[in-house]
PDB file of N, CA and C in Angstrom:
ATOM      1  N   MET A   1      39.278  73.824  -8.344  1.00  0.00           N
ATOM      2  CA  MET A   1      38.173  73.085  -7.789  1.00  0.00           C
ATOM      3  C   MET A   1      37.990  71.787  -8.558  1.00  0.00           C
ATOM      4  N   LEU A   2      38.044  71.828  -9.867  1.00  0.00           N
ATOM      5  CA  LEU A   2      37.850  70.624 -10.666  1.00  0.00           C
ATOM      6  C   LEU A   2      38.972  69.613 -10.448  1.00  0.00           C
ATOM      7  N   ALA A   3      40.110  70.095 -10.016  1.00  0.00           N
ATOM      8  CA  ALA A   3      41.241  69.203  -9.721  1.00  0.00           C
ATOM      9  C   ALA A   3      41.180  68.675  -8.293  1.00  0.00           C
ATOM     10  N   GLY A   4      40.174  69.092  -7.533  1.00  0.00           N
ATOM     11  CA  GLY A   4      40.013  68.617  -6.169  1.00  0.00           C
ATOM     12  C   GLY A   4      40.847  69.363  -5.146  1.00  0.00           C
ATOM     13  N   GLU A   5      41.370  70.512  -5.514  1.00  0.00           N
ATOM     14  CA  GLU A   5      42.241  71.259  -4.618  1.00  0.00           C
ATOM     15  C   GLU A   5      41.502  72.346  -3.843  1.00  0.00           C
ATOM     16  N   GLU A   6      40.246  72.599  -4.211  1.00  0.00           N
ATOM     17  CA  GLU A   6      39.482  73.665  -3.573  1.00  0.00           C
ATOM     18  C   GLU A   6      38.030  73.224  -3.472  1.00  0.00           C
ATOM     19  N   SER A   7      37.322  73.720  -2.468  1.00  0.00           N
ATOM     20  CA  SER A   7      35.918  73.389  -2.279  1.00  0.00           C
ATOM     21  C   SER A   7      35.041  74.279  -3.151  1.00  0.00           C
ATOM     22  N   TYR A   8      34.019  73.691  -3.744  1.00  0.00           N
ATOM     23  CA  TYR A   8      33.067  74.434  -4.562  1.00  0.00           C
ATOM     24  C   TYR A   8      32.452  75.577  -3.764  1.00  0.00           C
ATOM     25  N   ASP A   9      32.145  75.329  -2.499  1.00  0.00           N
ATOM     26  CA  ASP A   9      31.475  76.324  -1.663  1.00  0.00           C
ATOM     27  C   ASP A   9      32.337  77.554  -1.388  1.00  0.00           C
ATOM     28  N   THR A  10      33.644  77.440  -1.542  1.00  0.00           N
ATOM     29  CA  THR A  10      34.524  78.586  -1.297  1.00  0.00           C
ATOM     30  C   THR A  10      34.699  79.463  -2.528  1.00  0.00           C
ATOM     31  N   LEU A  11      34.189  79.024  -3.676  1.00  0.00           N
ATOM     32  CA  LEU A  11      34.345  79.787  -4.912  1.00  0.00           C
ATOM     33  C   LEU A  11      33.369  80.956  -4.957  1.00  0.00           C
ATOM     34  N   GLU A  12      33.762  81.999  -5.674  1.00  0.00           N
ATOM     35  CA  GLU A  12      32.882  83.128  -5.931  1.00  0.00           C
ATOM     36  C   GLU A  12      31.760  82.663  -6.867  1.00  0.00           C
ATOM     37  N   HIS A  13      30.650  83.393  -6.902  1.00  0.00           N
ATOM     38  CA  HIS A  13      29.496  83.018  -7.722  1.00  0.00           C
ATOM     39  C   HIS A  13      29.876  82.807  -9.188  1.00  0.00           C
ATOM     40  N   ARG A  14      30.683  83.692  -9.731  1.00  0.00           N
ATOM     41  CA  ARG A  14      31.096  83.580 -11.131  1.00  0.00           C
ATOM     42  C   ARG A  14      31.873  82.287 -11.348  1.00  0.00           C
ATOM     43  N   ASP A  15      32.794  81.978 -10.446  1.00  0.00           N
ATOM     44  CA  ASP A  15      33.602  80.776 -10.572  1.00  0.00           C
ATOM     45  C   ASP A  15      32.747  79.509 -10.402  1.00  0.00           C
ATOM     46  N   GLN A  16      31.738  79.577  -9.533  1.00  0.00           N
ATOM     47  CA  GLN A  16      30.822  78.446  -9.398  1.00  0.00           C
ATOM     48  C   GLN A  16      30.068  78.216 -10.707  1.00  0.00           C
ATOM     49  N   ALA A  17      29.690  79.300 -11.372  1.00  0.00           N
ATOM     50  CA  ALA A  17      28.991  79.187 -12.653  1.00  0.00           C
ATOM     51  C   ALA A  17      29.892  78.533 -13.698  1.00  0.00           C
ATOM     52  N   VAL A  18      31.165  78.879 -13.689  1.00  0.00           N
ATOM     53  CA  VAL A  18      32.118  78.272 -14.618  1.00  0.00           C
ATOM     54  C   VAL A  18      32.242  76.778 -14.335  1.00  0.00           C
ATOM     55  N   VAL A  19      32.309  76.416 -13.066  1.00  0.00           N
ATOM     56  CA  VAL A  19      32.408  75.003 -12.682  1.00  0.00           C
ATOM     57  C   VAL A  19      31.153  74.256 -13.127  1.00  0.00           C
ATOM     58  N   ARG A  20      29.989  74.818 -12.891  1.00  0.00           N
ATOM     59  CA  ARG A  20      28.737  74.161 -13.298  1.00  0.00           C
ATOM     60  C   ARG A  20      28.690  73.977 -14.810  1.00  0.00           C
ATOM     61  N   ALA A  21      29.141  74.964 -15.554  1.00  0.00           N
ATOM     62  CA  ALA A  21      29.178  74.851 -17.013  1.00  0.00           C
ATOM     63  C   ALA A  21      30.113  73.723 -17.435  1.00  0.00           C
ATOM     64  N   SER A  22      31.233  73.608 -16.762  1.00  0.00           N
ATOM     65  CA  SER A  22      32.175  72.540 -17.054  1.00  0.00           C
ATOM     66  C   SER A  22      31.568  71.174 -16.735  1.00  0.00           C
ATOM     67  N   TRP A  23      30.884  71.087 -15.589  1.00  0.00           N
ATOM     68  CA  TRP A  23      30.209  69.837 -15.236  1.00  0.00           C
ATOM     69  C   TRP A  23      29.174  69.474 -16.295  1.00  0.00           C
ATOM     70  N   ASP A  24      28.369  70.455 -16.712  1.00  0.00           N
ATOM     71  CA  ASP A  24      27.347  70.207 -17.731  1.00  0.00           C
ATOM     72  C   ASP A  24      27.969  69.673 -19.015  1.00  0.00           C
ATOM     73  N   GLU A  25      29.080  70.269 -19.412  1.00  0.00           N
ATOM     74  CA  GLU A  25      29.769  69.839 -20.631  1.00  0.00           C
ATOM     75  C   GLU A  25      30.266  68.399 -20.484  1.00  0.00           C
ATOM     76  N   ARG A  26      30.877  68.095 -19.353  1.00  0.00           N
ATOM     77  CA  ARG A  26      31.390  66.741 -19.122  1.00  0.00           C
ATOM     78  C   ARG A  26      30.262  65.714 -19.103  1.00  0.00           C
ATOM     79  N   ILE A  27      29.152  66.065 -18.452  1.00  0.00           N
ATOM     80  CA  ILE A  27      28.010  65.155 -18.374  1.00  0.00           C
ATOM     81  C   ILE A  27      27.439  64.919 -19.767  1.00  0.00           C
ATOM     82  N   THR A  28      27.293  65.976 -20.541  1.00  0.00           N
ATOM     83  CA  THR A  28      26.767  65.861 -21.904  1.00  0.00           C
ATOM     84  C   THR A  28      27.647  64.956 -22.748  1.00  0.00           C
ATOM     85  N   GLU A  29      28.959  65.137 -22.651  1.00  0.00           N
ATOM     86  CA  GLU A  29      29.898  64.299 -23.402  1.00  0.00           C
ATOM     87  C   GLU A  29      29.812  62.845 -22.958  1.00  0.00           C
ATOM     88  N   ARG A  30      29.711  62.627 -21.658  1.00  0.00           N
ATOM     89  CA  ARG A  30      29.632  61.260 -21.132  1.00  0.00           C
ATOM     90  C   ARG A  30      28.356  60.566 -21.581  1.00  0.00           C
ATOM     91  N   ILE A  31      27.239  61.270 -21.514  1.00  0.00           N
ATOM     92  CA  ILE A  31      25.968  60.688 -21.948  1.00  0.00           C
ATOM     93  C   ILE A  31      26.022  60.342 -23.433  1.00  0.00           C
ATOM     94  N   ALA A  32      26.602  61.229 -24.237  1.00  0.00           N
ATOM     95  CA  ALA A  32      26.702  60.990 -25.674  1.00  0.00           C
ATOM     96  C   ALA A  32      27.568  59.780 -25.989  1.00  0.00           C
ATOM     97  N   SER A  33      28.505  59.451 -25.118  1.00  0.00           N
ATOM     98  CA  SER A  33      29.400  58.326 -25.378  1.00  0.00           C
ATOM     99  C   SER A  33      28.833  56.987 -24.905  1.00  0.00           C
ATOM    100  N   LEU A  34      27.726  57.026 -24.169  1.00  0.00           N
ATOM    101  CA  LEU A  34      27.145  55.786 -23.653  1.00  0.00           C
ATOM    102  C   LEU A  34      26.440  55.000 -24.747  1.00  0.00           C
ATOM    103  N   ASP A  35      26.580  53.697 -24.693  1.00  0.00           N
ATOM    104  CA  ASP A  35      25.809  52.792 -25.538  1.00  0.00           C
ATOM    105  C   ASP A  35      25.393  51.634 -24.644  1.00  0.00           C
ATOM    106  N   LEU A  36      24.424  51.917 -23.768  1.00  0.00           N
ATOM    107  CA  LEU A  36      24.008  50.925 -22.790  1.00  0.00           C
ATOM    108  C   LEU A  36      23.397  49.704 -23.448  1.00  0.00           C
ATOM    109  N   ALA A  37      22.698  49.879 -24.568  1.00  0.00           N
ATOM    110  CA  ALA A  37      22.127  48.734 -25.270  1.00  0.00           C
ATOM    111  C   ALA A  37      23.232  47.763 -25.674  1.00  0.00           C
ATOM    112  N   ALA A  38      24.321  48.271 -26.200  1.00  0.00           N
ATOM    113  CA  ALA A  38      25.440  47.406 -26.594  1.00  0.00           C
ATOM    114  C   ALA A  38      26.084  46.753 -25.379  1.00  0.00           C
ATOM    115  N   GLU A  39      26.242  47.515 -24.300  1.00  0.00           N
ATOM    116  CA  GLU A  39      26.838  46.950 -23.083  1.00  0.00           C
ATOM    117  C   GLU A  39      25.964  45.849 -22.497  1.00  0.00           C
ATOM    118  N   PHE A  40      24.650  46.090 -22.407  1.00  0.00           N
ATOM    119  CA  PHE A  40      23.746  45.080 -21.856  1.00  0.00           C
ATOM    120  C   PHE A  40      23.681  43.858 -22.760  1.00  0.00           C
ATOM    121  N   THR A  41      23.641  44.071 -24.070  1.00  0.00           N
ATOM    122  CA  THR A  41      23.606  42.955 -25.008  1.00  0.00           C
ATOM    123  C   THR A  41      24.862  42.108 -24.873  1.00  0.00           C
ATOM    124  N   GLN A  42      26.004  42.746 -24.815  1.00  0.00           N
ATOM    125  CA  GLN A  42      27.267  42.031 -24.670  1.00  0.00           C
ATOM    126  C   GLN A  42      27.307  41.245 -23.371  1.00  0.00           C
ATOM    127  N   ALA A  43      26.700  41.790 -22.315  1.00  0.00           N
ATOM    128  CA  ALA A  43      26.691  41.120 -21.015  1.00  0.00           C
ATOM    129  C   ALA A  43      25.577  40.071 -20.925  1.00  0.00           C
ATOM    130  N   GLY A  44      24.757  39.973 -21.980  1.00  0.00           N
ATOM    131  CA  GLY A  44      23.674  39.012 -21.966  1.00  0.00           C
ATOM    132  C   GLY A  44      22.529  39.403 -21.059  1.00  0.00           C
ATOM    133  N   ARG A  45      22.347  40.686 -20.875  1.00  0.00           N
ATOM    134  CA  ARG A  45      21.297  41.193 -19.981  1.00  0.00           C
ATOM    135  C   ARG A  45      20.183  41.837 -20.785  1.00  0.00           C
ATOM    136  N   SER A  46      18.982  41.747 -20.268  1.00  0.00           N
ATOM    137  CA  SER A  46      17.859  42.466 -20.870  1.00  0.00           C
ATOM    138  C   SER A  46      17.679  43.780 -20.126  1.00  0.00           C
ATOM    139  N   TRP A  47      16.892  44.681 -20.719  1.00  0.00           N
ATOM    140  CA  TRP A  47      16.597  45.953 -20.080  1.00  0.00           C
ATOM    141  C   TRP A  47      15.215  46.398 -20.525  1.00  0.00           C
ATOM    142  N   THR A  48      14.633  47.272 -19.755  1.00  0.00           N
ATOM    143  CA  THR A  48      13.314  47.799 -20.080  1.00  0.00           C
ATOM    144  C   THR A  48      13.430  49.299 -20.278  1.00  0.00           C
ATOM    145  N   GLU A  49      12.766  49.772 -21.322  1.00  0.00           N
ATOM    146  CA  GLU A  49      12.764  51.193 -21.615  1.00  0.00           C
ATOM    147  C   GLU A  49      11.378  51.592 -22.099  1.00  0.00           C
ATOM    148  N   ALA A  50      11.121  52.866 -22.176  1.00  0.00           N
ATOM    149  CA  ALA A  50       9.834  53.360 -22.648  1.00  0.00           C
ATOM    150  C   ALA A  50       9.871  53.547 -24.153  1.00  0.00           C
ATOM    151  N   ASP A  51       8.784  53.131 -24.829  1.00  0.00           N
ATOM    152  CA  ASP A  51       8.678  53.389 -26.259  1.00  0.00           C
ATOM    153  C   ASP A  51       8.126  54.798 -26.480  1.00  0.00           C
ATOM    154  N   GLU A  52       7.827  55.124 -27.734  1.00  0.00           N
ATOM    155  CA  GLU A  52       7.378  56.481 -28.076  1.00  0.00           C
ATOM    156  C   GLU A  52       6.081  56.870 -27.367  1.00  0.00           C
ATOM    157  N   GLN A  53       5.259  55.875 -27.018  1.00  0.00           N
ATOM    158  CA  GLN A  53       3.990  56.151 -26.347  1.00  0.00           C
ATOM    159  C   GLN A  53       4.113  56.063 -24.822  1.00  0.00           C
ATOM    160  N   GLY A  54       5.297  55.771 -24.327  1.00  0.00           N
ATOM    161  CA  GLY A  54       5.513  55.678 -22.892  1.00  0.00           C
ATOM    162  C   GLY A  54       5.268  54.293 -22.319  1.00  0.00           C
ATOM    163  N   ASN A  55       5.045  53.310 -23.193  1.00  0.00           N
ATOM    164  CA  ASN A  55       4.834  51.941 -22.744  1.00  0.00           C
ATOM    165  C   ASN A  55       6.163  51.264 -22.451  1.00  0.00           C
ATOM    166  N   ALA A  56       6.189  50.431 -21.426  1.00  0.00           N
ATOM    167  CA  ALA A  56       7.404  49.695 -21.083  1.00  0.00           C
ATOM    168  C   ALA A  56       7.643  48.599 -22.115  1.00  0.00           C
ATOM    169  N   VAL A  57       8.865  48.553 -22.637  1.00  0.00           N
ATOM    170  CA  VAL A  57       9.251  47.558 -23.624  1.00  0.00           C
ATOM    171  C   VAL A  57      10.545  46.912 -23.150  1.00  0.00           C
ATOM    172  N   THR A  58      10.545  45.575 -23.088  1.00  0.00           N
ATOM    173  CA  THR A  58      11.757  44.857 -22.693  1.00  0.00           C
ATOM    174  C   THR A  58      12.567  44.548 -23.941  1.00  0.00           C
ATOM    175  N   ARG A  59      13.818  44.877 -23.891  1.00  0.00           N
ATOM    176  CA  ARG A  59      14.737  44.647 -25.011  1.00  0.00           C
ATOM    177  C   ARG A  59      15.687  43.508 -24.659  1.00  0.00           C
ATOM    178  N   ASN A  60      16.096  42.775 -25.683  1.00  0.00           N
ATOM    179  CA  ASN A  60      17.046  41.669 -25.506  1.00  0.00           C
ATOM    180  C   ASN A  60      16.542  40.710 -24.429  1.00  0.00           C
ATOM    181  N   ASP A  61      15.249  40.409 -24.492  1.00  0.00           N
ATOM    182  CA  ASP A  61      14.607  39.563 -23.490  1.00  0.00           C
ATOM    183  C   ASP A  61      15.173  38.151 -23.583  1.00  0.00           C
ATOM    184  N   ILE A  62      16.065  37.819 -22.682  1.00  0.00           N
ATOM    185  CA  ILE A  62      16.745  36.524 -22.713  1.00  0.00           C
ATOM    186  C   ILE A  62      15.807  35.375 -22.368  1.00  0.00           C
ATOM    187  N   THR A  63      14.655  35.661 -21.763  1.00  0.00           N
ATOM    188  CA  THR A  63      13.724  34.576 -21.428  1.00  0.00           C
ATOM    189  C   THR A  63      12.995  34.065 -22.660  1.00  0.00           C
ATOM    190  N   SER A  64      12.948  34.860 -23.743  1.00  0.00           N
ATOM    191  CA  SER A  64      12.245  34.427 -24.936  1.00  0.00           C
ATOM    192  C   SER A  64      13.171  33.815 -25.973  1.00  0.00           C
ATOM    193  N   VAL A  65      14.456  33.763 -25.707  1.00  0.00           N
ATOM    194  CA  VAL A  65      15.419  33.200 -26.633  1.00  0.00           C
ATOM    195  C   VAL A  65      15.539  31.714 -26.363  1.00  0.00           C
ATOM    196  N   PRO A  66      15.357  30.864 -27.390  1.00  0.00           N
ATOM    197  CA  PRO A  66      15.476  29.418 -27.168  1.00  0.00           C
ATOM    198  C   PRO A  66      16.872  29.053 -26.701  1.00  0.00           C
ATOM    199  N   SER A  67      16.940  28.112 -25.797  1.00  0.00           N
ATOM    200  CA  SER A  67      18.250  27.666 -25.325  1.00  0.00           C
ATOM    201  C   SER A  67      18.865  26.726 -26.357  1.00  0.00           C
ATOM    202  N   ALA A  68      20.112  26.419 -26.198  1.00  0.00           N
ATOM    203  CA  ALA A  68      20.826  25.516 -27.117  1.00  0.00           C
ATOM    204  C   ALA A  68      20.229  24.106 -27.061  1.00  0.00           C
ATOM    205  N   ASP A  69      19.549  23.762 -25.959  1.00  0.00           N
ATOM    206  CA  ASP A  69      18.950  22.439 -25.798  1.00  0.00           C
ATOM    207  C   ASP A  69      17.721  22.258 -26.659  1.00  0.00           C
ATOM    208  N   GLN A  70      17.054  23.329 -27.074  1.00  0.00           N
ATOM    209  CA  GLN A  70      15.775  23.237 -27.777  1.00  0.00           C
ATOM    210  C   GLN A  70      15.938  23.127 -29.257  1.00  0.00           C
TER     211      GLN A  70
END
């Protein structure tokens, strides 16, 4: 199924559980490898995220950075 040769819906319950566990593992590994702050910074993009209190905070705010002309 993970190789795309079989449909998830045709698997037995136990095999579906194994597939879900594998998906969870892959997702966890992928999330752990992400560094969106570095990617956005490199691309010159800002982003908004929640701080510890749940307030929206803009990071790498390019509108507040002086241009080379200033």
